[in-house]
Amino acid sequence: DRVVGICVLASLLMAALGGCWFPLEVVPEGMKTLAHCVPSGWALEGLHRLITFGDGFTSVLKPTAVLAGFGLAATAAAARWFRV
């Protein structure tokens, strides 16, 4: 039960920091920088570039690469800490 609570809290915090609750275009520059510390910030940047701003496929290559890096880091950390 505790793990579920911690995961929900972490998800809500990352969603808020990443811009899922409000557009990052309306926040100060420091908040935009903080949003790039969580995966949801990068995912929403790529999504906004495609849908909101109408940019092309090449504009989402950097956010996609960063998200892949987050995924690899999480997989490596899980493999190290959760070995059975």
PDB file of N, CA and C in Angstrom:
ATOM      1  N   ASP A   1       0.822  -1.199   0.000  1.00  0.00           N
ATOM      2  CA  ASP A   1       0.000   0.000   0.000  1.00  0.00           C
ATOM      3  C   ASP A   1       0.864   1.259   0.000  1.00  0.00           C
ATOM      4  N   ARG A   2       1.971   1.204   0.710  1.00  0.00           N
ATOM      5  CA  ARG A   2       2.841   2.382   0.755  1.00  0.00           C
ATOM      6  C   ARG A   2       3.465   2.667  -0.605  1.00  0.00           C
ATOM      7  N   VAL A   3       3.848   1.613  -1.298  1.00  0.00           N
ATOM      8  CA  VAL A   3       4.478   1.799  -2.610  1.00  0.00           C
ATOM      9  C   VAL A   3       3.504   2.456  -3.577  1.00  0.00           C
ATOM     10  N   VAL A   4       2.245   2.037  -3.532  1.00  0.00           N
ATOM     11  CA  VAL A   4       1.239   2.629  -4.415  1.00  0.00           C
ATOM     12  C   VAL A   4       1.076   4.106  -4.094  1.00  0.00           C
ATOM     13  N   GLY A   5       1.032   4.463  -2.836  1.00  0.00           N
ATOM     14  CA  GLY A   5       0.901   5.858  -2.440  1.00  0.00           C
ATOM     15  C   GLY A   5       2.078   6.701  -2.885  1.00  0.00           C
ATOM     16  N   ILE A   6       3.278   6.153  -2.729  1.00  0.00           N
ATOM     17  CA  ILE A   6       4.474   6.873  -3.153  1.00  0.00           C
ATOM     18  C   ILE A   6       4.490   7.050  -4.672  1.00  0.00           C
ATOM     19  N   CYS A   7       4.085   6.022  -5.405  1.00  0.00           N
ATOM     20  CA  CYS A   7       4.056   6.121  -6.869  1.00  0.00           C
ATOM     21  C   CYS A   7       3.024   7.139  -7.345  1.00  0.00           C
ATOM     22  N   VAL A   8       1.864   7.173  -6.708  1.00  0.00           N
ATOM     23  CA  VAL A   8       0.849   8.155  -7.076  1.00  0.00           C
ATOM     24  C   VAL A   8       1.349   9.564  -6.791  1.00  0.00           C
ATOM     25  N   LEU A   9       1.963   9.756  -5.633  1.00  0.00           N
ATOM     26  CA  LEU A   9       2.497  11.070  -5.282  1.00  0.00           C
ATOM     27  C   LEU A   9       3.588  11.506  -6.265  1.00  0.00           C
ATOM     28  N   ALA A  10       4.488  10.587  -6.604  1.00  0.00           N
ATOM     29  CA  ALA A  10       5.549  10.902  -7.563  1.00  0.00           C
ATOM     30  C   ALA A  10       4.977  11.224  -8.939  1.00  0.00           C
ATOM     31  N   SER A  11       3.971  10.487  -9.359  1.00  0.00           N
ATOM     32  CA  SER A  11       3.344  10.739 -10.664  1.00  0.00           C
ATOM     33  C   SER A  11       2.683  12.105 -10.711  1.00  0.00           C
ATOM     34  N   LEU A  12       1.964  12.452  -9.666  1.00  0.00           N
ATOM     35  CA  LEU A  12       1.301  13.758  -9.627  1.00  0.00           C
ATOM     36  C   LEU A  12       2.323  14.892  -9.595  1.00  0.00           C
ATOM     37  N   LEU A  13       3.403  14.699  -8.852  1.00  0.00           N
ATOM     38  CA  LEU A  13       4.441  15.725  -8.779  1.00  0.00           C
ATOM     39  C   LEU A  13       5.125  15.911 -10.134  1.00  0.00           C
ATOM     40  N   MET A  14       5.465  14.801 -10.792  1.00  0.00           N
ATOM     41  CA  MET A  14       6.098  14.911 -12.107  1.00  0.00           C
ATOM     42  C   MET A  14       5.146  15.500 -13.142  1.00  0.00           C
ATOM     43  N   ALA A  15       3.862  15.182 -13.040  1.00  0.00           N
ATOM     44  CA  ALA A  15       2.884  15.752 -13.966  1.00  0.00           C
ATOM     45  C   ALA A  15       2.790  17.263 -13.787  1.00  0.00           C
ATOM     46  N   ALA A  16       2.763  17.702 -12.536  1.00  0.00           N
ATOM     47  CA  ALA A  16       2.676  19.141 -12.276  1.00  0.00           C
ATOM     48  C   ALA A  16       3.940  19.861 -12.740  1.00  0.00           C
ATOM     49  N   LEU A  17       5.100  19.305 -12.434  1.00  0.00           N
ATOM     50  CA  LEU A  17       6.353  19.943 -12.829  1.00  0.00           C
ATOM     51  C   LEU A  17       6.561  19.921 -14.343  1.00  0.00           C
ATOM     52  N   GLY A  18       6.098  18.864 -14.994  1.00  0.00           N
ATOM     53  CA  GLY A  18       6.327  18.714 -16.427  1.00  0.00           C
ATOM     54  C   GLY A  18       5.394  19.506 -17.314  1.00  0.00           C
ATOM     55  N   GLY A  19       4.329  20.047 -16.742  1.00  0.00           N
ATOM     56  CA  GLY A  19       3.415  20.857 -17.541  1.00  0.00           C
ATOM     57  C   GLY A  19       2.156  20.148 -17.970  1.00  0.00           C
ATOM     58  N   CYS A  20       1.815  19.046 -17.331  1.00  0.00           N
ATOM     59  CA  CYS A  20       0.581  18.334 -17.685  1.00  0.00           C
ATOM     60  C   CYS A  20      -0.658  19.069 -17.186  1.00  0.00           C
ATOM     61  N   TRP A  21      -0.518  19.875 -16.161  1.00  0.00           N
ATOM     62  CA  TRP A  21      -1.667  20.565 -15.581  1.00  0.00           C
ATOM     63  C   TRP A  21      -1.867  21.952 -16.159  1.00  0.00           C
ATOM     64  N   PHE A  22      -0.833  22.527 -16.700  1.00  0.00           N
ATOM     65  CA  PHE A  22      -0.899  23.881 -17.258  1.00  0.00           C
ATOM     66  C   PHE A  22       0.190  23.994 -18.313  1.00  0.00           C
ATOM     67  N   PRO A  23       0.004  24.850 -19.299  1.00  0.00           N
ATOM     68  CA  PRO A  23       1.033  24.972 -20.348  1.00  0.00           C
ATOM     69  C   PRO A  23       2.290  25.660 -19.812  1.00  0.00           C
ATOM     70  N   LEU A  24       3.425  25.158 -20.207  1.00  0.00           N
ATOM     71  CA  LEU A  24       4.690  25.726 -19.754  1.00  0.00           C
ATOM     72  C   LEU A  24       4.983  27.082 -20.390  1.00  0.00           C
ATOM     73  N   GLU A  25       4.215  27.465 -21.382  1.00  0.00           N
ATOM     74  CA  GLU A  25       4.417  28.763 -22.012  1.00  0.00           C
ATOM     75  C   GLU A  25       4.058  29.921 -21.078  1.00  0.00           C
ATOM     76  N   VAL A  26       3.296  29.650 -20.018  1.00  0.00           N
ATOM     77  CA  VAL A  26       2.842  30.720 -19.124  1.00  0.00           C
ATOM     78  C   VAL A  26       3.632  30.797 -17.820  1.00  0.00           C
ATOM     79  N   VAL A  27       4.659  29.974 -17.674  1.00  0.00           N
ATOM     80  CA  VAL A  27       5.421  29.945 -16.425  1.00  0.00           C
ATOM     81  C   VAL A  27       6.758  30.662 -16.609  1.00  0.00           C
ATOM     82  N   PRO A  28       7.398  31.047 -15.507  1.00  0.00           N
ATOM     83  CA  PRO A  28       8.722  31.693 -15.614  1.00  0.00           C
ATOM     84  C   PRO A  28       9.773  30.740 -16.189  1.00  0.00           C
ATOM     85  N   GLU A  29      10.867  31.320 -16.633  1.00  0.00           N
ATOM     86  CA  GLU A  29      11.939  30.541 -17.270  1.00  0.00           C
ATOM     87  C   GLU A  29      12.517  29.471 -16.339  1.00  0.00           C
ATOM     88  N   GLY A  30      12.613  29.766 -15.046  1.00  0.00           N
ATOM     89  CA  GLY A  30      13.134  28.787 -14.087  1.00  0.00           C
ATOM     90  C   GLY A  30      12.259  27.546 -13.993  1.00  0.00           C
ATOM     91  N   MET A  31      10.961  27.729 -14.092  1.00  0.00           N
ATOM     92  CA  MET A  31      10.035  26.597 -14.063  1.00  0.00           C
ATOM     93  C   MET A  31      10.165  25.756 -15.327  1.00  0.00           C
ATOM     94  N   LYS A  32      10.428  26.407 -16.445  1.00  0.00           N
ATOM     95  CA  LYS A  32      10.632  25.664 -17.688  1.00  0.00           C
ATOM     96  C   LYS A  32      11.883  24.792 -17.587  1.00  0.00           C
ATOM     97  N   THR A  33      12.922  25.332 -16.961  1.00  0.00           N
ATOM     98  CA  THR A  33      14.148  24.559 -16.763  1.00  0.00           C
ATOM     99  C   THR A  33      13.887  23.378 -15.841  1.00  0.00           C
ATOM    100  N   LEU A  34      13.123  23.607 -14.787  1.00  0.00           N
ATOM    101  CA  LEU A  34      12.778  22.537 -13.847  1.00  0.00           C
ATOM    102  C   LEU A  34      11.930  21.458 -14.521  1.00  0.00           C
ATOM    103  N   ALA A  35      11.104  21.848 -15.467  1.00  0.00           N
ATOM    104  CA  ALA A  35      10.263  20.888 -16.180  1.00  0.00           C
ATOM    105  C   ALA A  35      11.092  19.890 -16.977  1.00  0.00           C
ATOM    106  N   HIS A  36      12.288  20.297 -17.403  1.00  0.00           N
ATOM    107  CA  HIS A  36      13.139  19.386 -18.172  1.00  0.00           C
ATOM    108  C   HIS A  36      13.917  18.418 -17.280  1.00  0.00           C
ATOM    109  N   CYS A  37      13.642  18.433 -15.995  1.00  0.00           N
ATOM    110  CA  CYS A  37      14.254  17.459 -15.077  1.00  0.00           C
ATOM    111  C   CYS A  37      13.392  16.212 -14.924  1.00  0.00           C
ATOM    112  N   VAL A  38      12.200  16.225 -15.473  1.00  0.00           N
ATOM    113  CA  VAL A  38      11.289  15.079 -15.373  1.00  0.00           C
ATOM    114  C   VAL A  38      10.876  14.645 -16.776  1.00  0.00           C
ATOM    115  N   PRO A  39      10.594  13.363 -16.966  1.00  0.00           N
ATOM    116  CA  PRO A  39      10.238  12.875 -18.304  1.00  0.00           C
ATOM    117  C   PRO A  39       8.995  13.522 -18.891  1.00  0.00           C
ATOM    118  N   SER A  40       8.018  13.848 -18.059  1.00  0.00           N
ATOM    119  CA  SER A  40       6.785  14.426 -18.598  1.00  0.00           C
ATOM    120  C   SER A  40       7.035  15.780 -19.257  1.00  0.00           C
ATOM    121  N   GLY A  41       8.013  16.520 -18.781  1.00  0.00           N
ATOM    122  CA  GLY A  41       8.351  17.798 -19.406  1.00  0.00           C
ATOM    123  C   GLY A  41       8.848  17.611 -20.829  1.00  0.00           C
ATOM    124  N   TRP A  42       9.697  16.609 -21.026  1.00  0.00           N
ATOM    125  CA  TRP A  42      10.219  16.345 -22.377  1.00  0.00           C
ATOM    126  C   TRP A  42       9.131  15.787 -23.286  1.00  0.00           C
ATOM    127  N   ALA A  43       8.277  14.920 -22.736  1.00  0.00           N
ATOM    128  CA  ALA A  43       7.201  14.350 -23.550  1.00  0.00           C
ATOM    129  C   ALA A  43       6.246  15.440 -24.019  1.00  0.00           C
ATOM    130  N   LEU A  44       5.903  16.348 -23.131  1.00  0.00           N
ATOM    131  CA  LEU A  44       4.992  17.422 -23.510  1.00  0.00           C
ATOM    132  C   LEU A  44       5.647  18.432 -24.442  1.00  0.00           C
ATOM    133  N   GLU A  45       6.948  18.617 -24.320  1.00  0.00           N
ATOM    134  CA  GLU A  45       7.627  19.511 -25.261  1.00  0.00           C
ATOM    135  C   GLU A  45       7.514  18.957 -26.676  1.00  0.00           C
ATOM    136  N   GLY A  46       7.780  17.673 -26.835  1.00  0.00           N
ATOM    137  CA  GLY A  46       7.652  17.057 -28.160  1.00  0.00           C
ATOM    138  C   GLY A  46       6.222  17.104 -28.676  1.00  0.00           C
ATOM    139  N   LEU A  47       5.272  16.834 -27.796  1.00  0.00           N
ATOM    140  CA  LEU A  47       3.868  16.866 -28.192  1.00  0.00           C
ATOM    141  C   LEU A  47       3.439  18.265 -28.623  1.00  0.00           C
ATOM    142  N   HIS A  48       3.833  19.270 -27.867  1.00  0.00           N
ATOM    143  CA  HIS A  48       3.484  20.643 -28.222  1.00  0.00           C
ATOM    144  C   HIS A  48       4.136  21.070 -29.527  1.00  0.00           C
ATOM    145  N   ARG A  49       5.370  20.640 -29.741  1.00  0.00           N
ATOM    146  CA  ARG A  49       6.042  21.006 -30.996  1.00  0.00           C
ATOM    147  C   ARG A  49       5.287  20.451 -32.202  1.00  0.00           C
ATOM    148  N   LEU A  50       4.763  19.236 -32.071  1.00  0.00           N
ATOM    149  CA  LEU A  50       4.044  18.633 -33.190  1.00  0.00           C
ATOM    150  C   LEU A  50       2.633  19.184 -33.342  1.00  0.00           C
ATOM    151  N   ILE A  51       1.882  19.209 -32.256  1.00  0.00           N
ATOM    152  CA  ILE A  51       0.463  19.531 -32.350  1.00  0.00           C
ATOM    153  C   ILE A  51       0.195  21.032 -32.279  1.00  0.00           C
ATOM    154  N   THR A  52       0.726  21.687 -31.255  1.00  0.00           N
ATOM    155  CA  THR A  52       0.406  23.089 -31.041  1.00  0.00           C
ATOM    156  C   THR A  52       1.118  24.010 -32.015  1.00  0.00           C
ATOM    157  N   PHE A  53       2.412  23.776 -32.210  1.00  0.00           N
ATOM    158  CA  PHE A  53       3.209  24.685 -33.031  1.00  0.00           C
ATOM    159  C   PHE A  53       3.354  24.220 -34.472  1.00  0.00           C
ATOM    160  N   GLY A  54       2.954  22.992 -34.783  1.00  0.00           N
ATOM    161  CA  GLY A  54       2.985  22.497 -36.151  1.00  0.00           C
ATOM    162  C   GLY A  54       4.371  22.244 -36.707  1.00  0.00           C
ATOM    163  N   ASP A  55       5.360  22.021 -35.830  1.00  0.00           N
ATOM    164  CA  ASP A  55       6.717  21.733 -36.302  1.00  0.00           C
ATOM    165  C   ASP A  55       6.772  20.340 -36.928  1.00  0.00           C
ATOM    166  N   GLY A  56       7.851  20.045 -37.604  1.00  0.00           N
ATOM    167  CA  GLY A  56       8.015  18.767 -38.271  1.00  0.00           C
ATOM    168  C   GLY A  56       8.586  17.685 -37.365  1.00  0.00           C
ATOM    169  N   PHE A  57       8.813  16.525 -37.981  1.00  0.00           N
ATOM    170  CA  PHE A  57       9.297  15.355 -37.255  1.00  0.00           C
ATOM    171  C   PHE A  57      10.660  15.592 -36.619  1.00  0.00           C
ATOM    172  N   THR A  58      11.513  16.335 -37.280  1.00  0.00           N
ATOM    173  CA  THR A  58      12.861  16.547 -36.750  1.00  0.00           C
ATOM    174  C   THR A  58      12.861  17.349 -35.450  1.00  0.00           C
ATOM    175  N   SER A  59      11.800  18.084 -35.183  1.00  0.00           N
ATOM    176  CA  SER A  59      11.737  18.877 -33.949  1.00  0.00           C
ATOM    177  C   SER A  59      11.530  18.015 -32.712  1.00  0.00           C
ATOM    178  N   VAL A  60      11.097  16.781 -32.895  1.00  0.00           N
ATOM    179  CA  VAL A  60      10.874  15.907 -31.733  1.00  0.00           C
ATOM    180  C   VAL A  60      11.993  14.895 -31.535  1.00  0.00           C
ATOM    181  N   LEU A  61      13.047  14.992 -32.310  1.00  0.00           N
ATOM    182  CA  LEU A  61      14.148  14.036 -32.152  1.00  0.00           C
ATOM    183  C   LEU A  61      14.860  14.209 -30.808  1.00  0.00           C
ATOM    184  N   LYS A  62      15.120  15.442 -30.397  1.00  0.00           N
ATOM    185  CA  LYS A  62      15.786  15.677 -29.120  1.00  0.00           C
ATOM    186  C   LYS A  62      14.923  15.220 -27.940  1.00  0.00           C
ATOM    187  N   PRO A  63      13.631  15.616 -27.860  1.00  0.00           N
ATOM    188  CA  PRO A  63      12.813  15.105 -26.754  1.00  0.00           C
ATOM    189  C   PRO A  63      12.708  13.576 -26.739  1.00  0.00           C
ATOM    190  N   THR A  64      12.644  12.969 -27.915  1.00  0.00           N
ATOM    191  CA  THR A  64      12.566  11.509 -27.986  1.00  0.00           C
ATOM    192  C   THR A  64      13.857  10.871 -27.478  1.00  0.00           C
ATOM    193  N   ALA A  65      14.996  11.438 -27.843  1.00  0.00           N
ATOM    194  CA  ALA A  65      16.281  10.909 -27.377  1.00  0.00           C
ATOM    195  C   ALA A  65      16.425  11.057 -25.865  1.00  0.00           C
ATOM    196  N   VAL A  66      15.982  12.193 -25.328  1.00  0.00           N
ATOM    197  CA  VAL A  66      16.063  12.394 -23.881  1.00  0.00           C
ATOM    198  C   VAL A  66      15.141  11.411 -23.157  1.00  0.00           C
ATOM    199  N   LEU A  67      13.937  11.186 -23.683  1.00  0.00           N
ATOM    200  CA  LEU A  67      13.027  10.209 -23.077  1.00  0.00           C
ATOM    201  C   LEU A  67      13.613   8.798 -23.126  1.00  0.00           C
ATOM    202  N   ALA A  68      14.296   8.463 -24.219  1.00  0.00           N
ATOM    203  CA  ALA A  68      14.962   7.159 -24.300  1.00  0.00           C
ATOM    204  C   ALA A  68      16.057   7.063 -23.245  1.00  0.00           C
ATOM    205  N   GLY A  69      16.767   8.171 -23.011  1.00  0.00           N
ATOM    206  CA  GLY A  69      17.787   8.199 -21.962  1.00  0.00           C
ATOM    207  C   GLY A  69      17.186   7.995 -20.572  1.00  0.00           C
ATOM    208  N   PHE A  70      16.050   8.651 -20.308  1.00  0.00           N
ATOM    209  CA  PHE A  70      15.352   8.434 -19.043  1.00  0.00           C
ATOM    210  C   PHE A  70      14.964   6.964 -18.889  1.00  0.00           C
ATOM    211  N   GLY A  71      14.476   6.368 -19.966  1.00  0.00           N
ATOM    212  CA  GLY A  71      14.085   4.964 -19.925  1.00  0.00           C
ATOM    213  C   GLY A  71      15.258   4.041 -19.667  1.00  0.00           C
ATOM    214  N   LEU A  72      16.377   4.296 -20.326  1.00  0.00           N
ATOM    215  CA  LEU A  72      17.573   3.474 -20.110  1.00  0.00           C
ATOM    216  C   LEU A  72      18.102   3.628 -18.684  1.00  0.00           C
ATOM    217  N   ALA A  73      18.077   4.855 -18.171  1.00  0.00           N
ATOM    218  CA  ALA A  73      18.541   5.082 -16.800  1.00  0.00           C
ATOM    219  C   ALA A  73      17.641   4.382 -15.793  1.00  0.00           C
ATOM    220  N   ALA A  74      16.339   4.434 -16.007  1.00  0.00           N
ATOM    221  CA  ALA A  74      15.408   3.762 -15.093  1.00  0.00           C
ATOM    222  C   ALA A  74      15.579   2.249 -15.168  1.00  0.00           C
ATOM    223  N   THR A  75      15.795   1.724 -16.360  1.00  0.00           N
ATOM    224  CA  THR A  75      16.006   0.277 -16.512  1.00  0.00           C
ATOM    225  C   THR A  75      17.295  -0.158 -15.830  1.00  0.00           C
ATOM    226  N   ALA A  76      18.351   0.619 -16.002  1.00  0.00           N
ATOM    227  CA  ALA A  76      19.633   0.283 -15.355  1.00  0.00           C
ATOM    228  C   ALA A  76      19.505   0.345 -13.835  1.00  0.00           C
ATOM    229  N   ALA A  77      18.810   1.366 -13.322  1.00  0.00           N
ATOM    230  CA  ALA A  77      18.633   1.484 -11.871  1.00  0.00           C
ATOM    231  C   ALA A  77      17.791   0.329 -11.339  1.00  0.00           C
ATOM    232  N   ALA A  78      16.755  -0.050 -12.056  1.00  0.00           N
ATOM    233  CA  ALA A  78      15.903  -1.168 -11.610  1.00  0.00           C
ATOM    234  C   ALA A  78      16.677  -2.481 -11.641  1.00  0.00           C
ATOM    235  N   ALA A  79      17.490  -2.677 -12.671  1.00  0.00           N
ATOM    236  CA  ALA A  79      18.271  -3.909 -12.760  1.00  0.00           C
ATOM    237  C   ALA A  79      19.289  -3.993 -11.626  1.00  0.00           C
ATOM    238  N   ARG A  80      19.823  -2.864 -11.238  1.00  0.00           N
ATOM    239  CA  ARG A  80      20.832  -2.850 -10.161  1.00  0.00           C
ATOM    240  C   ARG A  80      20.205  -3.039  -8.793  1.00  0.00           C
ATOM    241  N   TRP A  81      19.107  -2.318  -8.531  1.00  0.00           N
ATOM    242  CA  TRP A  81      18.549  -2.315  -7.188  1.00  0.00           C
ATOM    243  C   TRP A  81      17.515  -3.389  -6.909  1.00  0.00           C
ATOM    244  N   PHE A  82      16.907  -3.943  -7.955  1.00  0.00           N
ATOM    245  CA  PHE A  82      15.835  -4.920  -7.750  1.00  0.00           C
ATOM    246  C   PHE A  82      16.215  -6.315  -8.195  1.00  0.00           C
ATOM    247  N   ARG A  83      17.488  -6.627  -8.148  1.00  0.00           N
ATOM    248  CA  ARG A  83      17.907  -7.997  -8.488  1.00  0.00           C
ATOM    249  C   ARG A  83      17.362  -8.968  -7.464  1.00  0.00           C
ATOM    250  N   VAL A  84      16.919 -10.080  -7.948  1.00  0.00           N
ATOM    251  CA  VAL A  84      16.361 -11.096  -7.046  1.00  0.00           C
ATOM    252  C   VAL A  84      17.334 -12.228  -6.888  1.00  0.00           C
TER     253      VAL A  84
END
